[in-house]
């Protein structure tokens, strides 16, 4: 019995096939470039770019700023905050008038002709008024003198009639609406009428305001006294707004 013993040197047919040298070099290079622990891990996706993150944040901040600005604009007052407020209108006049206990309330009448004199009375007879309202006041001047004022409010049917009435009473010697002293509605010592003092009038559409003021203490200068009484009457015109519509 014979045994098949290996023969030396072996023949080419007795060994495994050899790889070409260039293939072995490529394989060795691939193995050398692989790091430990990463041989079986799948490739990781690239990290997100930081630029896109910052762009998103910037857009969000812009949106917040725009919304805040809109809310601020809506809540702003119609006028600028630092704009000075308009000063209140002055309602008080130069003098401080008070009513008297004898006639605390205005008196009214619809017959103006019965409470007028001269040409003014004749005017009312052909052009009747709608309403006559009269009130009485006193004022103390800085020098201590007391001045009495009769405020008459005459309401006519039209602005044209009111204009004609005022023009008539502004003329000398044409009569006037009777002041409350002349009409004996009130008594003032040493005075029978206020018509010798100071006169003032004003037209308010179809209404005419007529004021006469005087004081028993006239002094020695008649012209100066008349100017002072007229000044009081001009200031007393505003009182008509408190009792006549």
C-alpha atoms as a PDB file:
ATOM      1  CA  UNK A   1       0.000   0.000   0.000  1.00  0.00           C
ATOM      2  CA  UNK A   2       1.422   3.283  -0.958  1.00  0.00           C
ATOM      3  CA  UNK A   3       0.836   6.680   0.725  1.00  0.00           C
ATOM      4  CA  UNK A   4       0.467   9.961  -1.091  1.00  0.00           C
ATOM      5  CA  UNK A   5       3.134  12.050   0.589  1.00  0.00           C
ATOM      6  CA  UNK A   6       3.643  15.681  -0.268  1.00  0.00           C
ATOM      7  CA  UNK A   7       6.277  16.475  -2.611  1.00  0.00           C
ATOM      8  CA  UNK A   8       8.788  19.228  -2.221  1.00  0.00           C
ATOM      9  CA  UNK A   9       8.928  21.742  -3.623  1.00  0.00           C
ATOM     10  CA  UNK A  10       5.180  21.931  -4.176  1.00  0.00           C
ATOM     11  CA  UNK A  11       3.906  22.356  -7.578  1.00  0.00           C
ATOM     12  CA  UNK A  12       1.920  25.283  -8.678  1.00  0.00           C
ATOM     13  CA  UNK A  13      -1.188  23.117  -8.849  1.00  0.00           C
ATOM     14  CA  UNK A  14      -0.921  22.186  -5.148  1.00  0.00           C
ATOM     15  CA  UNK A  15      -1.505  25.808  -3.708  1.00  0.00           C
ATOM     16  CA  UNK A  16      -4.433  28.365  -3.689  1.00  0.00           C
ATOM     17  CA  UNK A  17      -4.523  30.832  -6.531  1.00  0.00           C
ATOM     18  CA  UNK A  18      -2.524  34.010  -5.924  1.00  0.00           C
ATOM     19  CA  UNK A  19      -4.025  37.621  -6.223  1.00  0.00           C
ATOM     20  CA  UNK A  20      -2.237  40.032  -8.420  1.00  0.00           C
ATOM     21  CA  UNK A  21       0.113  42.341  -6.555  1.00  0.00           C
ATOM     22  CA  UNK A  22      -1.654  45.558  -7.564  1.00  0.00           C
ATOM     23  CA  UNK A  23      -4.990  44.295  -6.149  1.00  0.00           C
ATOM     24  CA  UNK A  24      -3.317  43.473  -2.842  1.00  0.00           C
ATOM     25  CA  UNK A  25      -1.894  46.971  -2.625  1.00  0.00           C
ATOM     26  CA  UNK A  26      -5.383  48.534  -3.137  1.00  0.00           C
ATOM     27  CA  UNK A  27      -6.909  46.270  -0.507  1.00  0.00           C
ATOM     28  CA  UNK A  28      -4.200  47.138   2.022  1.00  0.00           C
ATOM     29  CA  UNK A  29      -4.725  50.863   1.404  1.00  0.00           C
ATOM     30  CA  UNK A  30      -8.483  50.572   2.060  1.00  0.00           C
ATOM     31  CA  UNK A  31      -7.898  48.706   5.325  1.00  0.00           C
ATOM     32  CA  UNK A  32      -5.342  51.248   6.521  1.00  0.00           C
ATOM     33  CA  UNK A  33      -7.746  54.212   5.974  1.00  0.00           C
ATOM     34  CA  UNK A  34     -10.575  52.711   8.012  1.00  0.00           C
ATOM     35  CA  UNK A  35     -10.644  53.906  11.679  1.00  0.00           C
ATOM     36  CA  UNK A  36     -11.314  51.540  14.552  1.00  0.00           C
ATOM     37  CA  UNK A  37     -14.954  51.450  15.703  1.00  0.00           C
ATOM     38  CA  UNK A  38     -16.311  52.716  12.398  1.00  0.00           C
ATOM     39  CA  UNK A  39     -16.028  49.523  10.395  1.00  0.00           C
ATOM     40  CA  UNK A  40     -19.726  48.608  10.791  1.00  0.00           C
ATOM     41  CA  UNK A  41     -21.359  52.134  11.293  1.00  0.00           C
ATOM     42  CA  UNK A  42     -23.403  53.624   8.447  1.00  0.00           C
ATOM     43  CA  UNK A  43     -22.283  56.991   7.120  1.00  0.00           C
ATOM     44  CA  UNK A  44     -23.690  59.956   9.083  1.00  0.00           C
ATOM     45  CA  UNK A  45     -25.596  62.773   7.303  1.00  0.00           C
ATOM     46  CA  UNK A  46     -23.804  66.112   7.187  1.00  0.00           C
ATOM     47  CA  UNK A  47     -24.704  68.513  10.059  1.00  0.00           C
ATOM     48  CA  UNK A  48     -27.227  71.249   9.200  1.00  0.00           C
ATOM     49  CA  UNK A  49     -25.716  74.476   8.111  1.00  0.00           C
ATOM     50  CA  UNK A  50     -25.569  77.169  10.853  1.00  0.00           C
ATOM     51  CA  UNK A  51     -26.427  79.843   8.357  1.00  0.00           C
ATOM     52  CA  UNK A  52     -29.992  78.598   7.926  1.00  0.00           C
ATOM     53  CA  UNK A  53     -30.481  78.612  11.736  1.00  0.00           C
ATOM     54  CA  UNK A  54     -29.351  82.240  12.089  1.00  0.00           C
ATOM     55  CA  UNK A  55     -31.494  83.302   9.144  1.00  0.00           C
ATOM     56  CA  UNK A  56     -34.571  81.786  10.811  1.00  0.00           C
ATOM     57  CA  UNK A  57     -33.851  83.557  14.095  1.00  0.00           C
ATOM     58  CA  UNK A  58     -33.322  86.871  12.346  1.00  0.00           C
ATOM     59  CA  UNK A  59     -36.641  86.590  10.515  1.00  0.00           C
ATOM     60  CA  UNK A  60     -38.418  85.768  13.780  1.00  0.00           C
ATOM     61  CA  UNK A  61     -36.938  88.875  15.478  1.00  0.00           C
ATOM     62  CA  UNK A  62     -38.011  91.066  12.571  1.00  0.00           C
ATOM     63  CA  UNK A  63     -41.551  89.737  12.850  1.00  0.00           C
ATOM     64  CA  UNK A  64     -41.681  90.488  16.592  1.00  0.00           C
ATOM     65  CA  UNK A  65     -40.395  94.034  16.005  1.00  0.00           C
ATOM     66  CA  UNK A  66     -42.995  94.717  13.338  1.00  0.00           C
ATOM     67  CA  UNK A  67     -45.832  93.405  15.527  1.00  0.00           C
ATOM     68  CA  UNK A  68     -44.647  95.458  18.515  1.00  0.00           C
ATOM     69  CA  UNK A  69     -44.451  98.603  16.413  1.00  0.00           C
ATOM     70  CA  UNK A  70     -47.995  98.108  15.145  1.00  0.00           C
ATOM     71  CA  UNK A  71     -49.369  97.625  18.667  1.00  0.00           C
ATOM     72  CA  UNK A  72     -47.542 100.783  19.851  1.00  0.00           C
ATOM     73  CA  UNK A  73     -48.964 102.820  16.949  1.00  0.00           C
ATOM     74  CA  UNK A  74     -52.535 101.653  17.668  1.00  0.00           C
ATOM     75  CA  UNK A  75     -52.286 102.505  21.360  1.00  0.00           C
ATOM     76  CA  UNK A  76     -50.915 106.014  20.795  1.00  0.00           C
ATOM     77  CA  UNK A  77     -53.285 108.922  21.625  1.00  0.00           C
ATOM     78  CA  UNK A  78     -54.573 111.064  18.785  1.00  0.00           C
ATOM     79  CA  UNK A  79     -52.501 114.047  19.962  1.00  0.00           C
ATOM     80  CA  UNK A  80     -48.762 113.921  20.748  1.00  0.00           C
ATOM     81  CA  UNK A  81     -48.066 113.403  24.424  1.00  0.00           C
ATOM     82  CA  UNK A  82     -45.628 116.299  24.615  1.00  0.00           C
ATOM     83  CA  UNK A  83     -48.047 118.744  22.966  1.00  0.00           C
ATOM     84  CA  UNK A  84     -49.142 121.374  25.499  1.00  0.00           C
ATOM     85  CA  UNK A  85     -52.820 121.276  26.384  1.00  0.00           C
ATOM     86  CA  UNK A  86     -54.963 124.159  25.223  1.00  0.00           C
ATOM     87  CA  UNK A  87     -55.563 126.624  28.052  1.00  0.00           C
ATOM     88  CA  UNK A  88     -59.137 126.681  29.382  1.00  0.00           C
ATOM     89  CA  UNK A  89     -61.308 129.518  28.133  1.00  0.00           C
ATOM     90  CA  UNK A  90     -61.742 132.364  30.547  1.00  0.00           C
ATOM     91  CA  UNK A  91     -65.399 132.590  31.527  1.00  0.00           C
ATOM     92  CA  UNK A  92     -65.074 135.231  34.249  1.00  0.00           C
ATOM     93  CA  UNK A  93     -65.019 138.886  33.345  1.00  0.00           C
ATOM     94  CA  UNK A  94     -63.333 141.926  34.803  1.00  0.00           C
ATOM     95  CA  UNK A  95     -65.942 142.551  37.482  1.00  0.00           C
ATOM     96  CA  UNK A  96     -67.693 140.270  39.956  1.00  0.00           C
ATOM     97  CA  UNK A  97     -71.450 140.753  39.735  1.00  0.00           C
ATOM     98  CA  UNK A  98     -73.978 139.634  42.329  1.00  0.00           C
ATOM     99  CA  UNK A  99     -77.766 139.609  42.425  1.00  0.00           C
ATOM    100  CA  UNK A 100     -79.765 141.560  45.011  1.00  0.00           C
ATOM    101  CA  UNK A 101     -82.183 140.050  47.566  1.00  0.00           C
ATOM    102  CA  UNK A 102     -85.061 142.195  46.246  1.00  0.00           C
ATOM    103  CA  UNK A 103     -84.801 140.600  42.779  1.00  0.00           C
ATOM    104  CA  UNK A 104     -82.848 137.319  42.946  1.00  0.00           C
ATOM    105  CA  UNK A 105     -84.437 135.894  39.771  1.00  0.00           C
ATOM    106  CA  UNK A 106     -84.893 137.402  36.278  1.00  0.00           C
ATOM    107  CA  UNK A 107     -88.321 138.792  35.347  1.00  0.00           C
ATOM    108  CA  UNK A 108     -89.990 137.946  32.032  1.00  0.00           C
ATOM    109  CA  UNK A 109     -92.629 139.613  29.866  1.00  0.00           C
ATOM    110  CA  UNK A 110     -93.923 139.219  26.345  1.00  0.00           C
ATOM    111  CA  UNK A 111     -95.062 142.854  25.911  1.00  0.00           C
ATOM    112  CA  UNK A 112     -91.911 144.817  25.125  1.00  0.00           C
ATOM    113  CA  UNK A 113     -93.806 148.003  24.193  1.00  0.00           C
ATOM    114  CA  UNK A 114     -95.160 148.283  27.745  1.00  0.00           C
ATOM    115  CA  UNK A 115     -91.581 148.287  29.054  1.00  0.00           C
ATOM    116  CA  UNK A 116     -89.967 150.711  26.618  1.00  0.00           C
ATOM    117  CA  UNK A 117     -89.783 154.488  26.023  1.00  0.00           C
ATOM    118  CA  UNK A 118     -89.720 156.894  23.085  1.00  0.00           C
ATOM    119  CA  UNK A 119     -89.115 155.646  19.565  1.00  0.00           C
ATOM    120  CA  UNK A 120     -88.164 152.247  20.931  1.00  0.00           C
ATOM    121  CA  UNK A 121     -91.669 151.864  22.326  1.00  0.00           C
ATOM    122  CA  UNK A 122     -93.125 152.806  18.939  1.00  0.00           C
ATOM    123  CA  UNK A 123     -90.873 150.242  17.273  1.00  0.00           C
ATOM    124  CA  UNK A 124     -92.200 147.478  19.522  1.00  0.00           C
ATOM    125  CA  UNK A 125     -95.793 148.431  18.765  1.00  0.00           C
ATOM    126  CA  UNK A 126     -95.257 147.787  15.050  1.00  0.00           C
ATOM    127  CA  UNK A 127     -92.652 145.045  15.521  1.00  0.00           C
ATOM    128  CA  UNK A 128     -93.604 143.034  18.604  1.00  0.00           C
ATOM    129  CA  UNK A 129     -90.925 141.052  20.407  1.00  0.00           C
ATOM    130  CA  UNK A 130     -91.211 137.405  21.377  1.00  0.00           C
ATOM    131  CA  UNK A 131     -89.737 137.659  24.878  1.00  0.00           C
ATOM    132  CA  UNK A 132     -88.271 140.233  27.269  1.00  0.00           C
ATOM    133  CA  UNK A 133     -86.109 138.950  30.131  1.00  0.00           C
ATOM    134  CA  UNK A 134     -84.471 141.337  32.603  1.00  0.00           C
ATOM    135  CA  UNK A 135     -82.101 140.746  35.525  1.00  0.00           C
ATOM    136  CA  UNK A 136     -80.497 143.036  38.089  1.00  0.00           C
ATOM    137  CA  UNK A 137     -76.928 142.994  39.449  1.00  0.00           C
ATOM    138  CA  UNK A 138     -74.547 145.006  41.605  1.00  0.00           C
ATOM    139  CA  UNK A 139     -70.769 145.293  41.505  1.00  0.00           C
ATOM    140  CA  UNK A 140     -68.297 147.032  43.815  1.00  0.00           C
ATOM    141  CA  UNK A 141     -65.496 148.976  42.100  1.00  0.00           C
ATOM    142  CA  UNK A 142     -61.929 148.931  43.472  1.00  0.00           C
ATOM    143  CA  UNK A 143     -62.507 152.394  45.009  1.00  0.00           C
ATOM    144  CA  UNK A 144     -65.523 151.081  46.969  1.00  0.00           C
ATOM    145  CA  UNK A 145     -68.343 152.539  44.856  1.00  0.00           C
ATOM    146  CA  UNK A 146     -71.373 150.337  44.183  1.00  0.00           C
ATOM    147  CA  UNK A 147     -72.633 150.149  40.609  1.00  0.00           C
ATOM    148  CA  UNK A 148     -76.096 148.861  39.644  1.00  0.00           C
ATOM    149  CA  UNK A 149     -76.669 147.129  36.309  1.00  0.00           C
ATOM    150  CA  UNK A 150     -79.918 146.229  34.552  1.00  0.00           C
ATOM    151  CA  UNK A 151     -79.453 143.504  31.892  1.00  0.00           C
ATOM    152  CA  UNK A 152     -82.281 143.202  29.339  1.00  0.00           C
ATOM    153  CA  UNK A 153     -82.524 140.387  26.781  1.00  0.00           C
ATOM    154  CA  UNK A 154     -84.956 141.018  23.929  1.00  0.00           C
ATOM    155  CA  UNK A 155     -85.804 138.172  21.574  1.00  0.00           C
ATOM    156  CA  UNK A 156     -87.201 139.212  18.189  1.00  0.00           C
ATOM    157  CA  UNK A 157     -88.760 137.161  15.391  1.00  0.00           C
ATOM    158  CA  UNK A 158     -85.768 137.483  13.052  1.00  0.00           C
ATOM    159  CA  UNK A 159     -82.179 138.632  12.914  1.00  0.00           C
ATOM    160  CA  UNK A 160     -83.231 141.577  10.750  1.00  0.00           C
ATOM    161  CA  UNK A 161     -85.642 142.833  13.428  1.00  0.00           C
ATOM    162  CA  UNK A 162     -82.991 142.353  16.092  1.00  0.00           C
ATOM    163  CA  UNK A 163     -80.514 144.372  14.051  1.00  0.00           C
ATOM    164  CA  UNK A 164     -83.023 147.204  13.594  1.00  0.00           C
ATOM    165  CA  UNK A 165     -83.741 147.281  17.332  1.00  0.00           C
ATOM    166  CA  UNK A 166     -80.081 147.507  18.302  1.00  0.00           C
ATOM    167  CA  UNK A 167     -79.365 150.247  15.776  1.00  0.00           C
ATOM    168  CA  UNK A 168     -82.300 152.246  17.112  1.00  0.00           C
ATOM    169  CA  UNK A 169     -81.303 151.975  20.794  1.00  0.00           C
ATOM    170  CA  UNK A 170     -77.709 152.980  20.008  1.00  0.00           C
ATOM    171  CA  UNK A 171     -78.836 156.414  18.877  1.00  0.00           C
ATOM    172  CA  UNK A 172     -79.278 159.291  21.307  1.00  0.00           C
ATOM    173  CA  UNK A 173     -82.796 160.433  22.149  1.00  0.00           C
ATOM    174  CA  UNK A 174     -84.578 157.376  20.721  1.00  0.00           C
ATOM    175  CA  UNK A 175     -85.635 155.835  24.015  1.00  0.00           C
ATOM    176  CA  UNK A 176     -84.776 152.329  25.174  1.00  0.00           C
ATOM    177  CA  UNK A 177     -86.011 149.272  26.992  1.00  0.00           C
ATOM    178  CA  UNK A 178     -86.775 150.378  30.541  1.00  0.00           C
ATOM    179  CA  UNK A 179     -84.175 149.403  33.102  1.00  0.00           C
ATOM    180  CA  UNK A 180     -85.575 147.797  36.242  1.00  0.00           C
ATOM    181  CA  UNK A 181     -85.066 150.961  38.312  1.00  0.00           C
ATOM    182  CA  UNK A 182     -86.947 153.133  35.803  1.00  0.00           C
ATOM    183  CA  UNK A 183     -89.668 150.472  35.574  1.00  0.00           C
ATOM    184  CA  UNK A 184     -89.964 150.604  39.401  1.00  0.00           C
ATOM    185  CA  UNK A 185     -89.263 146.871  39.747  1.00  0.00           C
ATOM    186  CA  UNK A 186     -86.532 147.723  42.241  1.00  0.00           C
ATOM    187  CA  UNK A 187     -85.567 150.775  44.274  1.00  0.00           C
ATOM    188  CA  UNK A 188     -82.064 152.223  44.494  1.00  0.00           C
ATOM    189  CA  UNK A 189     -81.427 155.233  46.788  1.00  0.00           C
ATOM    190  CA  UNK A 190     -80.623 158.457  44.886  1.00  0.00           C
ATOM    191  CA  UNK A 191     -81.381 156.861  41.474  1.00  0.00           C
ATOM    192  CA  UNK A 192     -84.607 156.911  39.463  1.00  0.00           C
ATOM    193  CA  UNK A 193     -83.065 155.388  36.330  1.00  0.00           C
ATOM    194  CA  UNK A 194     -79.813 153.830  35.128  1.00  0.00           C
ATOM    195  CA  UNK A 195     -80.126 155.465  31.707  1.00  0.00           C
ATOM    196  CA  UNK A 196     -77.865 158.386  32.678  1.00  0.00           C
ATOM    197  CA  UNK A 197     -74.877 156.133  33.305  1.00  0.00           C
ATOM    198  CA  UNK A 198     -73.265 153.799  30.771  1.00  0.00           C
ATOM    199  CA  UNK A 199     -74.944 151.921  27.902  1.00  0.00           C
ATOM    200  CA  UNK A 200     -73.777 148.776  26.059  1.00  0.00           C
ATOM    201  CA  UNK A 201     -75.500 146.327  23.683  1.00  0.00           C
ATOM    202  CA  UNK A 202     -74.827 143.227  21.626  1.00  0.00           C
ATOM    203  CA  UNK A 203     -76.767 141.289  18.983  1.00  0.00           C
ATOM    204  CA  UNK A 204     -76.815 137.495  19.062  1.00  0.00           C
ATOM    205  CA  UNK A 205     -78.707 136.442  15.939  1.00  0.00           C
ATOM    206  CA  UNK A 206     -82.372 137.261  16.715  1.00  0.00           C
ATOM    207  CA  UNK A 207     -81.606 138.366  20.286  1.00  0.00           C
ATOM    208  CA  UNK A 208     -80.408 141.769  21.520  1.00  0.00           C
ATOM    209  CA  UNK A 209     -78.735 142.228  24.908  1.00  0.00           C
ATOM    210  CA  UNK A 210     -79.046 145.758  26.351  1.00  0.00           C
ATOM    211  CA  UNK A 211     -77.267 146.823  29.570  1.00  0.00           C
ATOM    212  CA  UNK A 212     -77.450 150.084  31.499  1.00  0.00           C
ATOM    213  CA  UNK A 213     -75.312 150.740  34.588  1.00  0.00           C
ATOM    214  CA  UNK A 214     -74.995 153.635  37.031  1.00  0.00           C
ATOM    215  CA  UNK A 215     -73.885 154.529  40.532  1.00  0.00           C
ATOM    216  CA  UNK A 216     -75.183 157.163  42.960  1.00  0.00           C
ATOM    217  CA  UNK A 217     -71.582 158.266  43.548  1.00  0.00           C
ATOM    218  CA  UNK A 218     -70.871 160.098  40.324  1.00  0.00           C
ATOM    219  CA  UNK A 219     -67.903 162.255  41.303  1.00  0.00           C
ATOM    220  CA  UNK A 220     -67.044 165.590  39.703  1.00  0.00           C
ATOM    221  CA  UNK A 221     -65.946 164.326  36.239  1.00  0.00           C
ATOM    222  CA  UNK A 222     -69.126 163.364  34.360  1.00  0.00           C
ATOM    223  CA  UNK A 223     -67.237 162.123  31.285  1.00  0.00           C
ATOM    224  CA  UNK A 224     -64.982 159.844  33.334  1.00  0.00           C
ATOM    225  CA  UNK A 225     -68.008 158.557  35.256  1.00  0.00           C
ATOM    226  CA  UNK A 226     -69.816 157.717  32.034  1.00  0.00           C
ATOM    227  CA  UNK A 227     -66.748 155.815  30.749  1.00  0.00           C
ATOM    228  CA  UNK A 228     -66.514 153.788  33.943  1.00  0.00           C
ATOM    229  CA  UNK A 229     -70.223 152.921  33.840  1.00  0.00           C
ATOM    230  CA  UNK A 230     -69.966 151.940  30.163  1.00  0.00           C
ATOM    231  CA  UNK A 231     -67.038 149.661  31.041  1.00  0.00           C
ATOM    232  CA  UNK A 232     -69.186 147.922  33.650  1.00  0.00           C
ATOM    233  CA  UNK A 233     -72.055 147.554  31.169  1.00  0.00           C
ATOM    234  CA  UNK A 234     -69.785 146.024  28.519  1.00  0.00           C
ATOM    235  CA  UNK A 235     -68.599 143.420  31.011  1.00  0.00           C
ATOM    236  CA  UNK A 236     -72.160 142.721  32.211  1.00  0.00           C
ATOM    237  CA  UNK A 237     -73.267 141.630  28.701  1.00  0.00           C
ATOM    238  CA  UNK A 238     -71.823 138.178  29.375  1.00  0.00           C
ATOM    239  CA  UNK A 239     -74.298 137.698  32.237  1.00  0.00           C
ATOM    240  CA  UNK A 240     -77.136 137.319  29.739  1.00  0.00           C
ATOM    241  CA  UNK A 241     -75.886 133.835  28.845  1.00  0.00           C
ATOM    242  CA  UNK A 242     -76.637 132.616  32.370  1.00  0.00           C
ATOM    243  CA  UNK A 243     -80.389 133.320  32.298  1.00  0.00           C
ATOM    244  CA  UNK A 244     -81.520 133.692  28.680  1.00  0.00           C
ATOM    245  CA  UNK A 245     -81.318 131.103  25.940  1.00  0.00           C
END
